Amino acid sequence: MKIAMVGTGYVGLVTGTCLADSGNDVTCLDIDAAKIERLKRGEIPIYEPGLSELVARNVERGRLHFTTDLAAAVEPARLVFLAVGTPQGADGSADLRSLWAVVDSIAPHLAPNAVLVIKSTVPVGTNTLVTARLKERLGRDCDVVSNPEFLKEGAALEDFKKPDRVVVGVRRPEVEAVLHELYRPYLRTERPFLTMSPESAEMTKYVANCLLATKISFINEMANLCERTKADINEVRRGIGHDQRIGFAFLFPGVGYGGSCFPKDVRALMAMGTAHQQDLSLMQAVDVVNNRQKTILLEKIERHFGTRLKGATIALWGLAFKPRTDDIREAPALELVDKLLERGAKLVVHDPEALENVRRDYGAKLEYREAPFDALPGADCLVIMTEWEEFRHPDFEQMKTLLKSPVIFDGRNLFEPARMRDLGFTYHSIGRQSVGQ
């Protein structure tokens, strides 16, 4: 099947590459000529495990193409996917200007039987508006499908190829059949193909992300209460997680969520509620709790150092908002970095993948290290903000010889407090009692 993928960001590039890998002829379109040239040279602009190799294989086999030529990409396509960004606007709602610009640009080039597939995260009702806009532009009906993505950064290829479910919002059974055939290779293990109205499909994306964000804010708020009551949030988490109604997923305490989806989708749903005169108090609380949680380690660091924080050297491991990605959008680590810089601390930072993205934003304000232990010599403490696997089993004896003081602030609860106390560390974590003070 011939497919045009409009937008080569995270969703567009992963989706287009995976669809090419199942035998489709996919052309990825972007207005950024420099980005397209990089992709043609095999340079992948994002870090996603396995993506570089998959792109190279499908380009070599002639199934995956990159272009800035809108007509060449869209005119022969049976399916035209929209995977353009919908960032947060000033009022918290999704900014759809890029989406509308793309719809207007591609409209004259859509084949009579083409199906437009909205992959971007958009407010409920956008599908209906796009359908009406295309009819106004072309004087005929066009099929528009809502097909939200549920990809986790760091595991996107696996998520696409082995989805929990595929959701499509359609108006005609004939169009449903086309999408079912497209996704059939990924449904062989009886994963459900869920068809519903476009409005329900649009809402499903927001509700899924907002529920996950709610679980994170809930466990973080409980973690803070555990600290004050001398309970241990990890023990509490085990106590509730074995209840099948609750489970363990997304119940790991930490320094809050970040990234390109959860923060903006929570706020977009709040804006949607305002637009429809529906008070979403729970979502407002989730956002407030998350913003507050990003300050938790700062409070612990300030209590420990007091006036000595100005001029202190702090080693920081983990800058990306989560492991297995180089994405630093709304990363809790960077909010902490900003606050520590304001207070006059010196920061020496390491991240396995996100260093260059951070360097572009911070330049000489920070010192950068390619290896985690290279950030430690002479530091007054270590702060851990992202749970990369390589941080879980360090050489603690070597760490003690490198740090000026054996002090760790762990925003991801990677280590056990009792062991850290026995090793001679002062250790602060989330939702557990500090040790070694």
Protein backbone atom coordinates (compact mmCIF):
# COMPACT_ATOMS: atom_id res chain seq x y z
CA MET A 1 0.00 0.00 0.00
CA LYS A 2 1.28 3.48 -0.83
CA ILE A 3 1.44 5.69 2.23
CA ALA A 4 2.41 9.31 2.80
CA MET A 5 3.56 10.24 6.30
CA VAL A 6 3.34 14.01 6.84
CA GLY A 7 5.77 14.92 9.61
CA THR A 8 9.04 13.21 10.51
CA GLY A 9 9.01 13.85 14.24
CA TYR A 10 8.99 11.06 16.77
CA VAL A 11 5.58 9.64 15.88
CA GLY A 12 5.85 10.12 12.12
CA LEU A 13 9.32 8.62 11.78
CA VAL A 14 8.60 5.60 13.97
CA THR A 15 5.20 4.94 12.40
CA GLY A 16 6.40 5.41 8.84
CA THR A 17 9.42 3.17 9.33
CA CYS A 18 7.41 0.39 10.97
CA LEU A 19 4.77 0.49 8.22
CA ALA A 20 7.52 0.26 5.61
CA ASP A 21 8.99 -2.69 7.47
CA SER A 22 5.73 -4.63 6.99
CA GLY A 23 5.97 -4.20 3.20
CA ASN A 24 4.24 -0.89 2.49
CA ASP A 25 5.70 1.81 0.24
CA VAL A 26 6.08 4.78 2.60
CA THR A 27 7.16 8.33 1.77
CA CYS A 28 7.89 10.55 4.76
CA LEU A 29 7.31 14.25 4.07
CA ASP A 30 8.63 17.25 5.96
CA ILE A 31 9.07 20.97 5.22
CA ASP A 32 12.47 20.96 6.96
CA ALA A 33 14.83 20.37 4.04
CA ALA A 34 17.90 20.00 6.25
CA LYS A 35 16.17 17.31 8.29
CA ILE A 36 15.14 15.42 5.15
CA GLU A 37 18.70 15.53 3.84
CA ARG A 38 19.97 14.15 7.14
CA LEU A 39 17.44 11.33 6.98
CA LYS A 40 18.46 10.52 3.42
CA ARG A 41 22.05 10.20 4.68
CA GLY A 42 20.89 7.82 7.38
CA GLU A 43 21.24 10.35 10.22
CA ILE A 44 18.38 9.88 12.68
CA PRO A 45 17.42 13.12 14.52
CA ILE A 46 16.09 11.33 17.61
CA TYR A 47 17.40 8.55 19.80
CA GLU A 48 15.15 5.49 19.84
CA PRO A 49 16.70 2.04 20.32
CA GLY A 50 16.72 0.08 17.05
CA LEU A 51 15.26 2.86 14.89
CA SER A 52 18.45 3.74 13.03
CA GLU A 53 18.93 0.17 11.87
CA LEU A 54 15.27 -0.20 10.86
CA VAL A 55 15.35 3.02 8.83
CA ALA A 56 18.54 1.94 7.04
CA ARG A 57 17.14 -1.48 6.15
CA ASN A 58 13.92 -0.15 4.68
CA VAL A 59 15.63 2.64 2.75
CA GLU A 60 18.03 0.08 1.29
CA ARG A 61 15.14 -2.16 0.24
CA GLY A 62 13.32 0.73 -1.43
CA ARG A 63 10.28 0.81 0.82
CA LEU A 64 11.05 3.99 2.78
CA HIS A 65 11.62 7.41 1.18
CA PHE A 66 12.12 10.97 2.43
CA THR A 67 11.11 14.12 0.58
CA THR A 68 10.03 17.75 0.83
CA ASP A 69 7.93 17.41 -2.36
CA LEU A 70 4.36 17.48 -1.10
CA ALA A 71 2.71 16.56 -4.39
CA ALA A 72 5.08 13.66 -5.04
CA ALA A 73 4.35 12.20 -1.60
CA VAL A 74 0.59 12.74 -1.37
CA GLU A 75 -0.83 12.29 -4.88
CA PRO A 76 -0.14 8.54 -5.24
CA ALA A 77 -0.96 7.71 -1.61
CA ARG A 78 -3.92 5.57 -0.58
CA LEU A 79 -3.35 6.56 3.06
CA VAL A 80 -2.09 9.99 4.11
CA PHE A 81 -1.06 10.14 7.77
CA LEU A 82 -0.87 13.44 9.65
CA ALA A 83 1.83 13.25 12.32
CA VAL A 84 2.50 16.93 12.92
CA GLY A 85 3.09 18.50 16.31
CA THR A 86 0.24 19.87 18.40
CA PRO A 87 2.16 21.70 21.15
CA GLN A 88 0.63 23.37 24.15
CA GLY A 89 -0.80 26.79 23.46
CA ALA A 90 -0.69 29.77 25.80
CA ASP A 91 -4.02 28.78 27.40
CA GLY A 92 -3.04 25.12 27.81
CA SER A 93 -5.05 23.91 24.82
CA ALA A 94 -3.49 22.12 21.84
CA ASP A 95 -2.08 24.47 19.21
CA LEU A 96 -3.42 23.19 15.88
CA ARG A 97 -1.92 25.79 13.54
CA SER A 98 0.53 23.32 12.00
CA LEU A 99 -2.25 20.78 11.52
CA TRP A 100 -4.49 23.24 9.69
CA ALA A 101 -1.61 24.43 7.51
CA VAL A 102 -0.93 20.84 6.48
CA VAL A 103 -4.59 20.08 5.80
CA ASP A 104 -4.86 23.11 3.52
CA SER A 105 -1.59 22.24 1.74
CA ILE A 106 -2.38 18.61 1.00
CA ALA A 107 -6.06 19.04 0.13
CA PRO A 108 -5.53 19.73 -3.62
CA HIS A 109 -3.28 16.67 -3.91
CA LEU A 110 -5.51 14.05 -2.28
CA ALA A 111 -6.56 11.25 -4.63
CA PRO A 112 -10.32 10.57 -4.86
CA ASN A 113 -9.95 7.36 -2.85
CA ALA A 114 -7.36 8.66 -0.40
CA VAL A 115 -7.97 8.28 3.32
CA LEU A 116 -6.60 10.94 5.66
CA VAL A 117 -5.43 9.43 8.95
CA ILE A 118 -4.92 11.78 11.90
CA LYS A 119 -2.11 10.38 14.05
CA SER A 120 -1.46 13.66 15.87
CA THR A 121 -2.97 14.12 19.33
CA VAL A 122 -5.87 16.52 18.77
CA PRO A 123 -8.86 17.80 20.76
CA VAL A 124 -12.14 15.98 20.48
CA GLY A 125 -14.03 17.22 17.44
CA THR A 126 -10.97 17.90 15.29
CA ASN A 127 -11.76 15.01 12.94
CA THR A 128 -15.18 16.51 12.23
CA LEU A 129 -13.66 19.93 11.59
CA VAL A 130 -11.02 18.49 9.25
CA THR A 131 -13.68 16.56 7.34
CA ALA A 132 -15.74 19.72 6.88
CA ARG A 133 -12.70 21.75 5.85
CA LEU A 134 -11.70 19.25 3.18
CA LYS A 135 -15.22 19.21 1.78
CA GLU A 136 -15.18 23.00 1.65
CA ARG A 137 -11.82 23.00 -0.15
CA LEU A 138 -12.52 20.14 -2.57
CA GLY A 139 -16.29 20.15 -3.02
CA ARG A 140 -16.49 16.44 -2.22
CA ASP A 141 -16.51 14.13 0.80
CA CYS A 142 -13.19 12.79 2.06
CA ASP A 143 -12.65 9.96 4.51
CA VAL A 144 -10.87 11.11 7.68
CA VAL A 145 -9.81 8.59 10.31
CA SER A 146 -8.65 9.20 13.87
CA ASN A 147 -5.87 6.74 14.77
CA PRO A 148 -4.17 7.80 18.02
CA GLU A 149 -0.69 6.53 18.85
CA PHE A 150 0.28 4.87 22.12
CA LEU A 151 4.05 4.70 21.73
CA LYS A 152 6.37 4.87 24.72
CA GLU A 153 9.64 6.64 24.06
CA GLY A 154 12.44 4.13 24.50
CA ALA A 155 10.20 1.20 23.53
CA ALA A 156 8.38 2.62 20.50
CA LEU A 157 9.30 -0.07 17.96
CA GLU A 158 8.14 -2.83 20.27
CA ASP A 159 4.96 -0.91 21.07
CA PHE A 160 4.16 -0.46 17.39
CA LYS A 161 4.88 -4.04 16.38
CA LYS A 162 3.21 -5.60 19.44
CA PRO A 163 0.50 -3.14 20.40
CA ASP A 164 -1.80 -3.59 23.37
CA ARG A 165 -4.55 -2.49 20.99
CA VAL A 166 -5.08 -0.49 17.82
CA VAL A 167 -7.73 2.23 18.03
CA VAL A 168 -9.36 3.73 14.94
CA GLY A 169 -12.20 6.22 14.74
CA VAL A 170 -14.07 5.77 11.44
CA ARG A 171 -17.39 6.63 9.86
CA ARG A 172 -17.63 3.96 7.14
CA PRO A 173 -17.05 0.17 7.32
CA GLU A 174 -15.18 0.30 4.00
CA VAL A 175 -12.57 2.58 5.55
CA GLU A 176 -12.39 0.42 8.66
CA ALA A 177 -11.49 -2.52 6.39
CA VAL A 178 -8.59 -0.58 4.84
CA LEU A 179 -7.12 0.26 8.24
CA HIS A 180 -7.68 -3.28 9.50
CA GLU A 181 -5.71 -4.64 6.56
CA LEU A 182 -2.90 -2.15 7.24
CA TYR A 183 -2.56 -3.21 10.88
CA ARG A 184 -3.25 -6.92 10.38
CA PRO A 185 0.46 -7.92 10.57
CA TYR A 186 0.59 -6.51 14.11
CA LEU A 187 -2.58 -8.22 15.35
CA ARG A 188 -1.56 -11.84 14.90
CA THR A 189 -1.39 -12.47 18.67
CA GLU A 190 -5.09 -11.59 19.01
CA ARG A 191 -4.44 -7.97 19.94
CA PRO A 192 -7.74 -6.09 19.58
CA PHE A 193 -8.52 -3.79 16.68
CA LEU A 194 -10.96 -1.36 18.27
CA THR A 195 -13.25 0.66 16.02
CA MET A 196 -15.29 3.52 17.38
CA SER A 197 -16.44 7.01 16.50
CA PRO A 198 -13.73 9.58 15.69
CA GLU A 199 -14.72 11.53 18.80
CA SER A 200 -14.23 8.49 21.03
CA ALA A 201 -10.87 7.71 19.42
CA GLU A 202 -9.69 11.29 19.98
CA MET A 203 -10.80 11.18 23.61
CA THR A 204 -9.21 7.75 24.19
CA LYS A 205 -5.73 9.16 23.65
CA TYR A 206 -6.20 11.94 26.21
CA VAL A 207 -7.91 9.73 28.78
CA ALA A 208 -5.18 7.09 28.57
CA ASN A 209 -2.35 9.58 29.11
CA CYS A 210 -4.20 11.47 31.82
CA LEU A 211 -4.96 8.31 33.77
CA LEU A 212 -1.30 7.30 33.68
CA ALA A 213 -0.29 10.80 34.79
CA THR A 214 -2.83 10.54 37.61
CA LYS A 215 -1.25 7.30 38.85
CA ILE A 216 2.17 8.96 38.91
CA SER A 217 0.95 12.01 40.82
CA PHE A 218 -0.98 9.80 43.22
CA ILE A 219 1.99 7.63 44.18
CA ASN A 220 4.21 10.70 44.49
CA GLU A 221 1.79 12.40 46.85
CA MET A 222 1.56 9.22 48.92
CA ALA A 223 5.37 9.01 48.93
CA ASN A 224 5.62 12.47 50.44
CA LEU A 225 3.15 11.47 53.16
CA CYS A 226 5.13 8.29 53.82
CA GLU A 227 8.25 10.33 54.56
CA ARG A 228 6.41 12.38 57.17
CA THR A 229 4.85 9.33 58.84
CA LYS A 230 8.01 7.15 58.75
CA ALA A 231 6.37 4.68 56.37
CA ASP A 232 8.28 3.33 53.34
CA ILE A 233 6.59 3.99 49.97
CA ASN A 234 8.23 0.95 48.38
CA GLU A 235 6.72 -1.30 51.02
CA VAL A 236 3.37 0.43 50.60
CA ARG A 237 3.62 0.07 46.82
CA ARG A 238 4.11 -3.68 47.20
CA GLY A 239 1.21 -3.79 49.60
CA ILE A 240 -1.20 -2.23 47.13
CA GLY A 241 0.26 -3.43 43.83
CA HIS A 242 -0.64 -7.08 44.37
CA ASP A 243 -4.28 -6.05 44.43
CA GLN A 244 -5.37 -6.96 40.90
CA ARG A 245 -7.61 -3.91 40.77
CA ILE A 246 -4.56 -1.68 41.21
CA GLY A 247 -1.43 -3.36 39.82
CA PHE A 248 2.12 -2.02 39.77
CA ALA A 249 2.33 -0.12 36.49
CA PHE A 250 3.13 3.60 36.83
CA LEU A 251 3.26 3.36 40.63
CA PHE A 252 6.94 4.15 41.02
CA PRO A 253 7.61 7.24 43.15
CA GLY A 254 10.00 9.86 41.84
CA VAL A 255 10.47 13.48 40.90
CA GLY A 256 7.47 13.81 38.63
CA TYR A 257 6.64 13.12 35.01
CA GLY A 258 7.87 15.07 31.99
CA GLY A 259 8.18 14.55 28.25
CA SER A 260 6.15 15.62 25.26
CA CYS A 261 2.85 13.93 26.14
CA PHE A 262 1.75 13.75 29.77
CA PRO A 263 2.20 17.43 30.73
CA LYS A 264 0.59 18.89 27.63
CA ASP A 265 -2.18 16.28 27.42
CA VAL A 266 -3.23 16.85 31.03
CA ARG A 267 -3.39 20.59 30.39
CA ALA A 268 -5.12 20.12 27.03
CA LEU A 269 -7.81 17.99 28.68
CA MET A 270 -8.24 20.71 31.32
CA ALA A 271 -8.65 23.28 28.53
CA MET A 272 -11.16 21.00 26.82
CA GLY A 273 -13.13 20.83 30.05
CA THR A 274 -13.15 24.62 30.32
CA ALA A 275 -14.33 24.93 26.72
CA HIS A 276 -17.24 22.59 27.48
CA GLN A 277 -18.06 24.09 30.92
CA GLN A 278 -16.89 20.94 32.68
CA ASP A 279 -14.75 21.35 35.81
CA LEU A 280 -11.89 18.81 35.75
CA SER A 281 -10.71 19.24 39.33
CA LEU A 282 -8.85 15.95 39.40
CA MET A 283 -6.76 16.86 36.36
CA GLN A 284 -5.97 20.23 37.89
CA ALA A 285 -4.76 18.46 41.03
CA VAL A 286 -2.63 16.03 38.99
CA ASP A 287 -0.87 18.95 37.31
CA VAL A 288 -0.36 20.82 40.61
CA VAL A 289 1.03 17.72 42.34
CA ASN A 290 3.41 17.03 39.47
CA ASN A 291 4.76 20.58 39.41
CA ARG A 292 5.29 20.44 43.15
CA GLN A 293 6.99 17.05 42.94
CA LYS A 294 9.66 18.47 40.65
CA THR A 295 10.85 20.59 43.60
CA ILE A 296 11.14 17.72 46.11
CA LEU A 297 14.84 17.05 45.62
CA LEU A 298 15.63 20.76 45.62
CA GLU A 299 14.08 21.03 49.08
CA LYS A 300 16.16 18.10 50.33
CA ILE A 301 19.34 19.56 48.82
CA GLU A 302 18.66 22.98 50.39
CA ARG A 303 18.06 21.42 53.80
CA HIS A 304 21.32 19.49 53.55
CA PHE A 305 23.56 22.31 52.35
CA GLY A 306 21.93 25.40 53.80
CA THR A 307 24.03 28.46 52.96
CA ARG A 308 26.78 26.17 51.61
CA LEU A 309 24.71 25.49 48.48
CA LYS A 310 26.11 28.62 46.84
CA GLY A 311 29.43 27.51 45.41
CA ALA A 312 28.80 23.79 45.97
CA THR A 313 29.73 21.40 43.15
CA ILE A 314 26.92 19.01 42.31
CA ALA A 315 27.26 15.96 40.08
CA LEU A 316 24.02 15.11 38.30
CA TRP A 317 23.23 11.84 36.53
CA GLY A 318 20.28 11.80 34.14
CA LEU A 319 18.92 14.68 32.08
CA ALA A 320 16.35 13.06 29.77
CA PHE A 321 12.80 12.93 31.13
CA LYS A 322 13.00 9.11 31.13
CA PRO A 323 15.59 6.45 30.20
CA ARG A 324 16.16 5.14 26.65
CA THR A 325 15.49 8.52 25.04
CA ASP A 326 17.28 11.82 24.45
CA ASP A 327 14.05 13.80 24.93
CA ILE A 328 14.45 16.62 27.47
CA ARG A 329 11.05 18.28 27.03
CA GLU A 330 9.70 19.24 30.47
CA ALA A 331 12.34 16.99 32.05
CA PRO A 332 12.31 17.24 35.87
CA ALA A 333 16.13 17.26 35.79
CA LEU A 334 16.23 20.55 33.93
CA GLU A 335 13.87 22.25 36.36
CA LEU A 336 16.24 21.21 39.13
CA VAL A 337 19.24 22.42 37.10
CA ASP A 338 17.64 25.84 36.68
CA LYS A 339 16.94 26.19 40.41
CA LEU A 340 20.43 25.06 41.42
CA LEU A 341 22.05 27.48 38.98
CA GLU A 342 19.92 30.30 40.41
CA ARG A 343 21.29 29.42 43.84
CA GLY A 344 24.89 29.60 42.69
CA ALA A 345 25.74 25.91 42.55
CA LYS A 346 28.16 24.48 39.98
CA LEU A 347 26.77 21.50 38.04
CA VAL A 348 28.69 18.69 36.35
CA VAL A 349 26.21 16.60 34.38
CA HIS A 350 26.02 13.27 32.58
CA ASP A 351 23.36 11.50 30.54
CA PRO A 352 23.89 8.55 28.16
CA GLU A 353 21.95 10.18 25.30
CA ALA A 354 20.70 13.69 26.12
CA LEU A 355 23.97 15.61 26.61
CA GLU A 356 23.95 17.30 23.21
CA ASN A 357 20.33 18.40 23.51
CA VAL A 358 21.11 19.94 26.90
CA ARG A 359 24.34 21.52 25.65
CA ARG A 360 22.37 23.33 22.92
CA ASP A 361 20.17 24.96 25.57
CA TYR A 362 22.66 25.55 28.40
CA GLY A 363 26.04 25.96 26.73
CA ALA A 364 28.80 26.91 29.16
CA LYS A 365 26.45 27.15 32.16
CA LEU A 366 27.10 23.46 32.84
CA GLU A 367 30.04 21.09 32.66
CA TYR A 368 29.39 17.96 30.62
CA ARG A 369 30.83 14.47 31.08
CA GLU A 370 30.54 11.53 28.70
CA ALA A 371 30.90 8.90 31.45
CA PRO A 372 28.99 8.91 34.75
CA PHE A 373 32.01 8.55 37.04
CA ASP A 374 33.77 11.40 35.25
CA ALA A 375 31.20 13.75 36.82
CA LEU A 376 32.07 12.75 40.39
CA PRO A 377 35.64 13.95 41.22
CA GLY A 378 35.46 16.72 43.82
CA ALA A 379 31.66 16.93 43.84
CA ASP A 380 29.93 17.69 47.13
CA CYS A 381 27.12 15.27 46.29
CA LEU A 382 25.55 13.18 43.52
CA VAL A 383 21.99 13.76 42.33
CA ILE A 384 20.21 11.07 40.25
CA MET A 385 17.27 12.23 38.14
CA THR A 386 16.73 9.56 35.45
CA GLU A 387 16.65 5.80 36.03
CA TRP A 388 19.04 4.66 33.30
CA GLU A 389 19.92 0.98 33.77
CA GLU A 390 23.65 1.72 33.90
CA PHE A 391 23.12 3.78 37.05
CA ARG A 392 21.68 0.88 39.06
CA HIS A 393 24.85 -1.01 39.96
CA PRO A 394 27.76 1.43 40.34
CA ASP A 395 31.03 0.75 42.12
CA PHE A 396 30.15 2.39 45.42
CA GLU A 397 33.67 2.19 46.85
CA GLN A 398 35.08 4.01 43.83
CA MET A 399 32.22 6.50 44.08
CA LYS A 400 33.19 7.29 47.68
CA THR A 401 36.81 7.94 46.71
CA LEU A 402 35.77 10.36 43.94
CA LEU A 403 33.10 12.38 45.74
CA LYS A 404 34.25 15.06 48.16
CA SER A 405 31.41 13.94 50.44
CA PRO A 406 29.56 10.57 50.20
CA VAL A 407 26.12 12.14 49.74
CA ILE A 408 23.48 10.98 47.24
CA PHE A 409 20.10 12.49 46.43
CA ASP A 410 18.24 9.77 44.53
CA GLY A 411 15.15 11.00 42.68
CA ARG A 412 14.35 7.52 41.33
CA ASN A 413 14.88 5.25 44.37
CA LEU A 414 17.53 3.15 42.64
CA PHE A 415 19.20 1.94 45.84
CA GLU A 416 18.17 0.49 49.19
CA PRO A 417 18.58 2.91 52.12
CA ALA A 418 19.86 0.26 54.55
CA ARG A 419 22.62 -0.80 52.18
CA MET A 420 23.62 2.80 51.49
CA ARG A 421 23.85 3.47 55.23
CA ASP A 422 26.05 0.38 55.68
CA LEU A 423 28.29 1.56 52.82
CA GLY A 424 28.83 4.87 54.60
CA PHE A 425 26.67 7.14 52.43
CA THR A 426 24.27 9.87 53.41
CA TYR A 427 21.34 8.89 51.23
CA HIS A 428 18.12 10.78 50.46
CA SER A 429 15.39 9.25 48.29
CA ILE A 430 11.64 9.62 47.67
CA GLY A 431 9.04 8.41 50.13
CA ARG A 432 11.60 6.71 52.39
CA GLN A 433 13.55 7.82 55.44
CA SER A 434 16.93 9.41 54.78
CA VAL A 435 19.93 7.58 56.25
CA GLY A 436 23.49 8.44 57.29
CA GLN A 437 22.86 11.99 58.39
